[in-house]
């Protein structure tokens, strides 16, 4: 009679078989998400299916770190984990440790992973960004030699400044050889010594743009001694080199505008500067002329000849004042002298004599102005206006007062 086993024994045996199968311990399974349920415990229960079968899956709360997006119905995903048997129910299922989106989602996961790694390495840090020179003479461009991107760059750069030399490295920007071609283009233009470099291409799907998400291209941009402007796809497209480059342009056309200064605008600014400079120079010249005139006037004033002239004029003024003062003094003294003369005339004996009076004195010169001073027989001298009379006192009469 055959051996008879319990259900638990069979389930345990099958579980042991799964455990011993190395492939089932670490397997990647692709399929469409169905019956997705987020449990209150944090576990996620769902089913993977394709056109020919289904498989039950569970991701325990402890493994949720392996899921970077919200799992939803209908998503195409790749689940990595272990296939094992749940003994109690005798059912096998996929125990997920990692879930990534298939196709575009897979590329997005790779994109995010590389972005985190390069960010942790410091390749996105602002202190490593080189300034874009304002005025350039040589523009390097790494892109395909056909397509709208290169035409837009050349047209806009030439329109903004026809004197800028544009050096194109015709790179392969899509496919297996794209990474090596882009890296070689960056190195080649760096060796040529261009002033600034545009690295990019026109728009496309994430697969088309993927070469610009590779680490080798990002490293070449980071190591480049020439400032690099990234210009990949359209404004909504973002690639790894956008974070590494010294400046990101939303489109190739915008990159040309950022790299090449508008010469018309420059000439307008120069014209404004020239007008400002002319005005400042004219104002300064007028100021210097005024100062020169002032200095010339001061020199003339302080010159020996002018000093002599000034002193001579001063002496003439003093002489005139002195003459005026003397004349005034003489005139005043003449007037005073005239007054004294008139006064003296009034007191002069001669004047009195002219008026009919006489002057009498004795022989010894004693003035006779009183009868008591003479006696009879005295000889007197009587002076009149035009001569001398000698007389002898014969009689004396005294008038009563």
Foldseek 3Di string as FASTA:
>chain_A
DDDDDDLLVVLVVVQVVQVPDPDQAKDKDKFFWAPWDQDPQRKIWTWGDDPPDIFTEIEHNVLCVQPPDDDDGGFIKIFIGHWGADSVVSGIHGHGNHIFGPDVRVLVVVLVVVLVVVVVVVLLPLVLQDDQDAAFQEEEEEEAPDDDLVVLLVVLLCQQPVRHHYHYQHADQADDCRLVRQLVSLVVVLVVPGQEYEYEYEADDCNRRVSQQDPSNLVSQSPRPHQYEYAYYAQPDDHSNCSNGSHYDRHSNRVSPRNHHRVVVVVVVVVVVVVVVVVVVVVVVVVVVVVVVVVVVVCCCPPPVNVVVVVVVVVVVVVVVVVVVVVVVVVVVVVVVVVVVVVVCVVPVLNVLVVVAKWKDFPVRHGDPDLVVDDFQTWMWIGHNPGIDIDGHHDGDDDDD
